[in-house]
């Protein structure tokens, strides 16, 4: 295989070669996961005012401004670098719109130099259950939603965050550990423990449970 040809498709390689247009390609490659991250963490009071896609797009400007510094010293993998900027943009918007009404900063999960709003149990529960639209399904979903949210509220905040990172943002074990600043073994232990606790809490939900 021609390694030069293979490398030419890598946006990071092209960015280092001076092709700034590759940044948009890199960003688009991870856009869906970045949007899910915002959906999980956007304060419910702002859902009518802020669209997750717009938050992600605003963060692209921050990414573009930071590109040269990142290429000179790429401390983080590309996805986590993008995620860091999206998280910072979301935190800034929370502060702008909510000010002192933000959730206690102690409840936020540390993310390198800053803090990222934690994934809410309501958003996690909604994503776990998916969409059910018929009247019967909607009623059942509402009952399940409360049960799942109650179970999630019983988890440690960092365990909820591990579920969010692994289950919905689809980060790998090493990426999850790096985001949370814990060891790989600790991240794996917390993930499986959180899954087990959630399954135990939902062992006999109304209508059965097949979500996990």
C-alpha atoms as a PDB file:
ATOM      1  CA  UNK A   1       0.000   0.000   0.000  1.00  0.00           C
ATOM      2  CA  UNK A   2       1.228   3.484  -0.838  1.00  0.00           C
ATOM      3  CA  UNK A   3       1.591   5.142   2.613  1.00  0.00           C
ATOM      4  CA  UNK A   4       1.823   8.584   1.051  1.00  0.00           C
ATOM      5  CA  UNK A   5      -1.540   8.077  -0.647  1.00  0.00           C
ATOM      6  CA  UNK A   6      -3.044   6.737   2.572  1.00  0.00           C
ATOM      7  CA  UNK A   7      -1.756   9.625   4.643  1.00  0.00           C
ATOM      8  CA  UNK A   8      -3.129  12.166   2.164  1.00  0.00           C
ATOM      9  CA  UNK A   9      -6.644  11.230   3.308  1.00  0.00           C
ATOM     10  CA  UNK A  10      -5.860  12.022   6.947  1.00  0.00           C
ATOM     11  CA  UNK A  11      -7.070  15.562   7.752  1.00  0.00           C
ATOM     12  CA  UNK A  12      -4.412  16.001  10.453  1.00  0.00           C
ATOM     13  CA  UNK A  13      -1.620  15.132   7.995  1.00  0.00           C
ATOM     14  CA  UNK A  14      -3.069  17.580   5.480  1.00  0.00           C
ATOM     15  CA  UNK A  15      -3.424  20.280   8.145  1.00  0.00           C
ATOM     16  CA  UNK A  16       0.231  19.877   9.053  1.00  0.00           C
ATOM     17  CA  UNK A  17       0.997  20.251   5.370  1.00  0.00           C
ATOM     18  CA  UNK A  18      -0.766  23.614   5.293  1.00  0.00           C
ATOM     19  CA  UNK A  19      -4.184  22.545   3.983  1.00  0.00           C
ATOM     20  CA  UNK A  20      -6.462  24.453   6.390  1.00  0.00           C
ATOM     21  CA  UNK A  21      -9.486  23.278   4.422  1.00  0.00           C
ATOM     22  CA  UNK A  22      -8.986  19.868   6.015  1.00  0.00           C
ATOM     23  CA  UNK A  23     -10.146  21.302   9.346  1.00  0.00           C
ATOM     24  CA  UNK A  24     -13.759  21.410   8.174  1.00  0.00           C
ATOM     25  CA  UNK A  25     -13.455  17.790   7.067  1.00  0.00           C
ATOM     26  CA  UNK A  26     -12.063  16.771  10.440  1.00  0.00           C
ATOM     27  CA  UNK A  27     -14.832  18.640  12.239  1.00  0.00           C
ATOM     28  CA  UNK A  28     -17.579  17.143  10.060  1.00  0.00           C
ATOM     29  CA  UNK A  29     -16.210  13.666  10.691  1.00  0.00           C
ATOM     30  CA  UNK A  30     -16.991  14.066  14.395  1.00  0.00           C
ATOM     31  CA  UNK A  31     -19.956  16.465  14.204  1.00  0.00           C
ATOM     32  CA  UNK A  32     -22.639  13.923  15.171  1.00  0.00           C
ATOM     33  CA  UNK A  33     -20.808  12.829  18.309  1.00  0.00           C
ATOM     34  CA  UNK A  34     -20.093  16.439  19.268  1.00  0.00           C
ATOM     35  CA  UNK A  35     -23.778  17.288  18.862  1.00  0.00           C
ATOM     36  CA  UNK A  36     -24.772  14.340  21.059  1.00  0.00           C
ATOM     37  CA  UNK A  37     -22.371  15.626  23.692  1.00  0.00           C
ATOM     38  CA  UNK A  38     -24.175  18.980  23.689  1.00  0.00           C
ATOM     39  CA  UNK A  39     -27.610  17.345  23.730  1.00  0.00           C
ATOM     40  CA  UNK A  40     -26.637  15.411  26.844  1.00  0.00           C
ATOM     41  CA  UNK A  41     -25.344  18.481  28.669  1.00  0.00           C
ATOM     42  CA  UNK A  42     -27.471  21.409  27.521  1.00  0.00           C
ATOM     43  CA  UNK A  43     -29.338  22.815  30.508  1.00  0.00           C
ATOM     44  CA  UNK A  44     -33.091  22.067  30.147  1.00  0.00           C
ATOM     45  CA  UNK A  45     -33.869  25.742  30.709  1.00  0.00           C
ATOM     46  CA  UNK A  46     -32.006  26.603  27.504  1.00  0.00           C
ATOM     47  CA  UNK A  47     -33.414  23.969  25.160  1.00  0.00           C
ATOM     48  CA  UNK A  48     -35.956  26.393  23.699  1.00  0.00           C
ATOM     49  CA  UNK A  49     -33.261  29.024  23.119  1.00  0.00           C
ATOM     50  CA  UNK A  50     -30.201  27.076  21.973  1.00  0.00           C
ATOM     51  CA  UNK A  51     -29.946  24.460  19.254  1.00  0.00           C
ATOM     52  CA  UNK A  52     -27.180  21.871  19.828  1.00  0.00           C
ATOM     53  CA  UNK A  53     -26.147  22.083  16.176  1.00  0.00           C
ATOM     54  CA  UNK A  54     -25.657  25.843  16.505  1.00  0.00           C
ATOM     55  CA  UNK A  55     -23.570  25.377  19.643  1.00  0.00           C
ATOM     56  CA  UNK A  56     -21.328  22.935  17.782  1.00  0.00           C
ATOM     57  CA  UNK A  57     -20.999  25.276  14.800  1.00  0.00           C
ATOM     58  CA  UNK A  58     -20.053  28.203  17.049  1.00  0.00           C
ATOM     59  CA  UNK A  59     -17.316  26.063  18.544  1.00  0.00           C
ATOM     60  CA  UNK A  60     -15.813  25.559  15.087  1.00  0.00           C
ATOM     61  CA  UNK A  61     -14.650  29.184  15.158  1.00  0.00           C
ATOM     62  CA  UNK A  62     -12.836  28.506  18.432  1.00  0.00           C
ATOM     63  CA  UNK A  63     -11.257  25.393  16.928  1.00  0.00           C
ATOM     64  CA  UNK A  64     -10.054  27.345  13.899  1.00  0.00           C
ATOM     65  CA  UNK A  65      -8.431  29.990  16.114  1.00  0.00           C
ATOM     66  CA  UNK A  66      -6.648  27.318  18.147  1.00  0.00           C
ATOM     67  CA  UNK A  67      -5.472  25.241  15.173  1.00  0.00           C
ATOM     68  CA  UNK A  68      -1.882  26.520  14.930  1.00  0.00           C
ATOM     69  CA  UNK A  69      -1.281  26.071  18.658  1.00  0.00           C
ATOM     70  CA  UNK A  70      -2.743  22.556  18.514  1.00  0.00           C
ATOM     71  CA  UNK A  71      -0.603  21.495  15.555  1.00  0.00           C
ATOM     72  CA  UNK A  72       2.485  22.814  17.325  1.00  0.00           C
ATOM     73  CA  UNK A  73       1.713  20.820  20.487  1.00  0.00           C
ATOM     74  CA  UNK A  74      -1.047  18.213  20.008  1.00  0.00           C
ATOM     75  CA  UNK A  75      -1.488  17.118  23.616  1.00  0.00           C
ATOM     76  CA  UNK A  76      -4.905  15.567  22.938  1.00  0.00           C
ATOM     77  CA  UNK A  77      -6.166  13.232  20.209  1.00  0.00           C
ATOM     78  CA  UNK A  78      -8.101  15.192  17.534  1.00  0.00           C
ATOM     79  CA  UNK A  79     -11.575  14.170  18.749  1.00  0.00           C
ATOM     80  CA  UNK A  80     -10.846  15.145  22.346  1.00  0.00           C
ATOM     81  CA  UNK A  81      -9.367  18.443  21.180  1.00  0.00           C
ATOM     82  CA  UNK A  82     -12.566  19.238  19.265  1.00  0.00           C
ATOM     83  CA  UNK A  83     -14.655  18.033  22.200  1.00  0.00           C
ATOM     84  CA  UNK A  84     -12.762  20.308  24.576  1.00  0.00           C
ATOM     85  CA  UNK A  85     -13.638  23.378  22.508  1.00  0.00           C
ATOM     86  CA  UNK A  86     -17.281  22.384  22.134  1.00  0.00           C
ATOM     87  CA  UNK A  87     -17.450  21.851  25.900  1.00  0.00           C
ATOM     88  CA  UNK A  88     -15.923  25.250  26.579  1.00  0.00           C
ATOM     89  CA  UNK A  89     -18.361  26.911  24.200  1.00  0.00           C
ATOM     90  CA  UNK A  90     -21.291  25.189  25.922  1.00  0.00           C
ATOM     91  CA  UNK A  91     -20.032  26.280  29.343  1.00  0.00           C
ATOM     92  CA  UNK A  92     -19.684  29.868  28.102  1.00  0.00           C
ATOM     93  CA  UNK A  93     -23.260  29.843  26.771  1.00  0.00           C
ATOM     94  CA  UNK A  94     -24.546  28.440  30.054  1.00  0.00           C
ATOM     95  CA  UNK A  95     -22.856  31.263  31.938  1.00  0.00           C
ATOM     96  CA  UNK A  96     -24.110  33.898  29.512  1.00  0.00           C
ATOM     97  CA  UNK A  97     -27.722  32.748  29.706  1.00  0.00           C
ATOM     98  CA  UNK A  98     -27.953  31.476  33.276  1.00  0.00           C
ATOM     99  CA  UNK A  99     -25.290  33.355  35.208  1.00  0.00           C
ATOM    100  CA  UNK A 100     -25.580  32.557  38.895  1.00  0.00           C
ATOM    101  CA  UNK A 101     -28.450  30.170  38.148  1.00  0.00           C
ATOM    102  CA  UNK A 102     -26.043  27.598  36.732  1.00  0.00           C
ATOM    103  CA  UNK A 103     -25.815  24.278  38.485  1.00  0.00           C
ATOM    104  CA  UNK A 104     -23.237  24.135  41.268  1.00  0.00           C
ATOM    105  CA  UNK A 105     -19.795  23.968  39.651  1.00  0.00           C
ATOM    106  CA  UNK A 106     -18.919  21.149  42.055  1.00  0.00           C
ATOM    107  CA  UNK A 107     -21.371  18.956  40.146  1.00  0.00           C
ATOM    108  CA  UNK A 108     -19.492  19.459  36.892  1.00  0.00           C
ATOM    109  CA  UNK A 109     -17.007  16.882  35.670  1.00  0.00           C
ATOM    110  CA  UNK A 110     -13.447  18.177  35.416  1.00  0.00           C
ATOM    111  CA  UNK A 111     -12.177  18.349  31.852  1.00  0.00           C
ATOM    112  CA  UNK A 112      -8.501  19.323  31.721  1.00  0.00           C
ATOM    113  CA  UNK A 113      -8.220  23.077  32.421  1.00  0.00           C
ATOM    114  CA  UNK A 114     -11.964  23.731  32.493  1.00  0.00           C
ATOM    115  CA  UNK A 115     -15.205  22.072  33.459  1.00  0.00           C
ATOM    116  CA  UNK A 116     -17.897  20.621  31.230  1.00  0.00           C
ATOM    117  CA  UNK A 117     -21.521  20.526  32.343  1.00  0.00           C
ATOM    118  CA  UNK A 118     -22.316  16.971  33.341  1.00  0.00           C
ATOM    119  CA  UNK A 119     -24.668  14.777  31.345  1.00  0.00           C
ATOM    120  CA  UNK A 120     -28.124  15.122  32.852  1.00  0.00           C
ATOM    121  CA  UNK A 121     -30.007  12.053  34.014  1.00  0.00           C
ATOM    122  CA  UNK A 122     -33.088  13.262  32.121  1.00  0.00           C
ATOM    123  CA  UNK A 123     -31.204  13.462  28.814  1.00  0.00           C
ATOM    124  CA  UNK A 124     -29.528  10.108  29.408  1.00  0.00           C
ATOM    125  CA  UNK A 125     -32.842   8.460  30.247  1.00  0.00           C
ATOM    126  CA  UNK A 126     -34.478   9.909  27.141  1.00  0.00           C
ATOM    127  CA  UNK A 127     -31.687   8.651  24.898  1.00  0.00           C
ATOM    128  CA  UNK A 128     -31.692   5.220  26.521  1.00  0.00           C
ATOM    129  CA  UNK A 129     -35.391   4.774  25.828  1.00  0.00           C
ATOM    130  CA  UNK A 130     -35.404   6.197  22.316  1.00  0.00           C
ATOM    131  CA  UNK A 131     -38.547   7.528  20.657  1.00  0.00           C
ATOM    132  CA  UNK A 132     -42.009   5.995  21.043  1.00  0.00           C
ATOM    133  CA  UNK A 133     -44.801   7.893  19.360  1.00  0.00           C
ATOM    134  CA  UNK A 134     -48.127   6.021  19.618  1.00  0.00           C
ATOM    135  CA  UNK A 135     -50.380   7.032  22.565  1.00  0.00           C
ATOM    136  CA  UNK A 136     -49.872   3.656  24.243  1.00  0.00           C
ATOM    137  CA  UNK A 137     -46.127   3.747  23.669  1.00  0.00           C
ATOM    138  CA  UNK A 138     -45.928   7.359  24.839  1.00  0.00           C
ATOM    139  CA  UNK A 139     -47.641   6.540  28.126  1.00  0.00           C
ATOM    140  CA  UNK A 140     -45.385   3.533  28.677  1.00  0.00           C
ATOM    141  CA  UNK A 141     -42.341   5.590  27.778  1.00  0.00           C
ATOM    142  CA  UNK A 142     -43.264   8.288  30.303  1.00  0.00           C
ATOM    143  CA  UNK A 143     -43.489   5.670  33.047  1.00  0.00           C
ATOM    144  CA  UNK A 144     -40.195   4.102  32.011  1.00  0.00           C
ATOM    145  CA  UNK A 145     -38.544   7.503  31.705  1.00  0.00           C
ATOM    146  CA  UNK A 146     -39.208   8.316  35.347  1.00  0.00           C
ATOM    147  CA  UNK A 147     -37.913   4.904  36.412  1.00  0.00           C
ATOM    148  CA  UNK A 148     -34.721   5.189  34.364  1.00  0.00           C
ATOM    149  CA  UNK A 149     -34.091   8.760  35.484  1.00  0.00           C
ATOM    150  CA  UNK A 150     -34.552   7.713  39.111  1.00  0.00           C
ATOM    151  CA  UNK A 151     -32.035   4.909  38.621  1.00  0.00           C
ATOM    152  CA  UNK A 152     -29.544   7.268  36.977  1.00  0.00           C
ATOM    153  CA  UNK A 153     -29.927   9.765  39.805  1.00  0.00           C
ATOM    154  CA  UNK A 154     -28.842   6.998  42.151  1.00  0.00           C
ATOM    155  CA  UNK A 155     -25.472   6.700  40.404  1.00  0.00           C
ATOM    156  CA  UNK A 156     -22.395   8.725  41.282  1.00  0.00           C
ATOM    157  CA  UNK A 157     -22.040  11.720  38.895  1.00  0.00           C
ATOM    158  CA  UNK A 158     -18.802  10.294  37.479  1.00  0.00           C
ATOM    159  CA  UNK A 159     -20.524   6.960  36.813  1.00  0.00           C
ATOM    160  CA  UNK A 160     -23.290   8.727  34.890  1.00  0.00           C
ATOM    161  CA  UNK A 161     -20.581  10.533  32.967  1.00  0.00           C
ATOM    162  CA  UNK A 162     -18.846   7.255  32.108  1.00  0.00           C
ATOM    163  CA  UNK A 163     -22.146   5.954  30.703  1.00  0.00           C
ATOM    164  CA  UNK A 164     -22.578   9.122  28.663  1.00  0.00           C
ATOM    165  CA  UNK A 165     -19.048   9.005  27.279  1.00  0.00           C
ATOM    166  CA  UNK A 166     -19.035   5.310  26.400  1.00  0.00           C
ATOM    167  CA  UNK A 167     -22.677   4.690  25.511  1.00  0.00           C
ATOM    168  CA  UNK A 168     -23.663   7.869  23.652  1.00  0.00           C
ATOM    169  CA  UNK A 169     -20.539   9.775  22.696  1.00  0.00           C
ATOM    170  CA  UNK A 170     -18.997   6.440  21.721  1.00  0.00           C
ATOM    171  CA  UNK A 171     -15.606   7.229  23.185  1.00  0.00           C
ATOM    172  CA  UNK A 172     -13.221   4.348  23.624  1.00  0.00           C
ATOM    173  CA  UNK A 173     -11.933   3.175  26.986  1.00  0.00           C
ATOM    174  CA  UNK A 174      -8.681   5.100  26.684  1.00  0.00           C
ATOM    175  CA  UNK A 175     -10.464   8.292  25.550  1.00  0.00           C
ATOM    176  CA  UNK A 176     -12.954   8.029  28.419  1.00  0.00           C
ATOM    177  CA  UNK A 177     -10.161   7.601  30.942  1.00  0.00           C
ATOM    178  CA  UNK A 178      -8.290  10.573  29.495  1.00  0.00           C
ATOM    179  CA  UNK A 179     -11.359  12.823  29.565  1.00  0.00           C
ATOM    180  CA  UNK A 180     -12.066  12.003  33.207  1.00  0.00           C
ATOM    181  CA  UNK A 181      -8.437  12.000  34.301  1.00  0.00           C
ATOM    182  CA  UNK A 182      -8.582   8.468  35.709  1.00  0.00           C
ATOM    183  CA  UNK A 183      -6.764   5.252  34.864  1.00  0.00           C
ATOM    184  CA  UNK A 184      -7.930   2.904  32.140  1.00  0.00           C
ATOM    185  CA  UNK A 185      -8.697   0.243  34.732  1.00  0.00           C
ATOM    186  CA  UNK A 186     -10.735   2.677  36.830  1.00  0.00           C
ATOM    187  CA  UNK A 187     -12.714   3.829  33.793  1.00  0.00           C
ATOM    188  CA  UNK A 188     -13.528   0.247  32.803  1.00  0.00           C
ATOM    189  CA  UNK A 189     -14.522  -0.652  36.374  1.00  0.00           C
ATOM    190  CA  UNK A 190     -16.805   2.359  36.681  1.00  0.00           C
ATOM    191  CA  UNK A 191     -18.452   1.676  33.315  1.00  0.00           C
ATOM    192  CA  UNK A 192     -19.337  -1.932  34.063  1.00  0.00           C
ATOM    193  CA  UNK A 193     -20.384  -1.066  37.606  1.00  0.00           C
ATOM    194  CA  UNK A 194     -22.668   1.700  36.349  1.00  0.00           C
ATOM    195  CA  UNK A 195     -24.216  -0.620  33.761  1.00  0.00           C
ATOM    196  CA  UNK A 196     -24.821  -3.292  36.372  1.00  0.00           C
ATOM    197  CA  UNK A 197     -26.369  -0.876  38.842  1.00  0.00           C
ATOM    198  CA  UNK A 198     -28.626   0.512  36.158  1.00  0.00           C
ATOM    199  CA  UNK A 199     -29.703  -2.979  35.085  1.00  0.00           C
ATOM    200  CA  UNK A 200     -30.337  -3.982  38.692  1.00  0.00           C
ATOM    201  CA  UNK A 201     -32.514  -0.918  39.231  1.00  0.00           C
ATOM    202  CA  UNK A 202     -34.451  -1.704  36.078  1.00  0.00           C
ATOM    203  CA  UNK A 203     -34.653  -5.460  36.507  1.00  0.00           C
ATOM    204  CA  UNK A 204     -38.440  -5.544  36.304  1.00  0.00           C
ATOM    205  CA  UNK A 205     -39.638  -2.246  34.798  1.00  0.00           C
ATOM    206  CA  UNK A 206     -43.205  -1.895  33.480  1.00  0.00           C
ATOM    207  CA  UNK A 207     -43.423  -3.533  30.070  1.00  0.00           C
ATOM    208  CA  UNK A 208     -39.985  -5.138  30.358  1.00  0.00           C
ATOM    209  CA  UNK A 209     -36.582  -3.674  29.560  1.00  0.00           C
ATOM    210  CA  UNK A 210     -34.415  -4.334  26.580  1.00  0.00           C
ATOM    211  CA  UNK A 211     -32.556  -1.046  26.328  1.00  0.00           C
ATOM    212  CA  UNK A 212     -29.185  -2.145  27.648  1.00  0.00           C
END
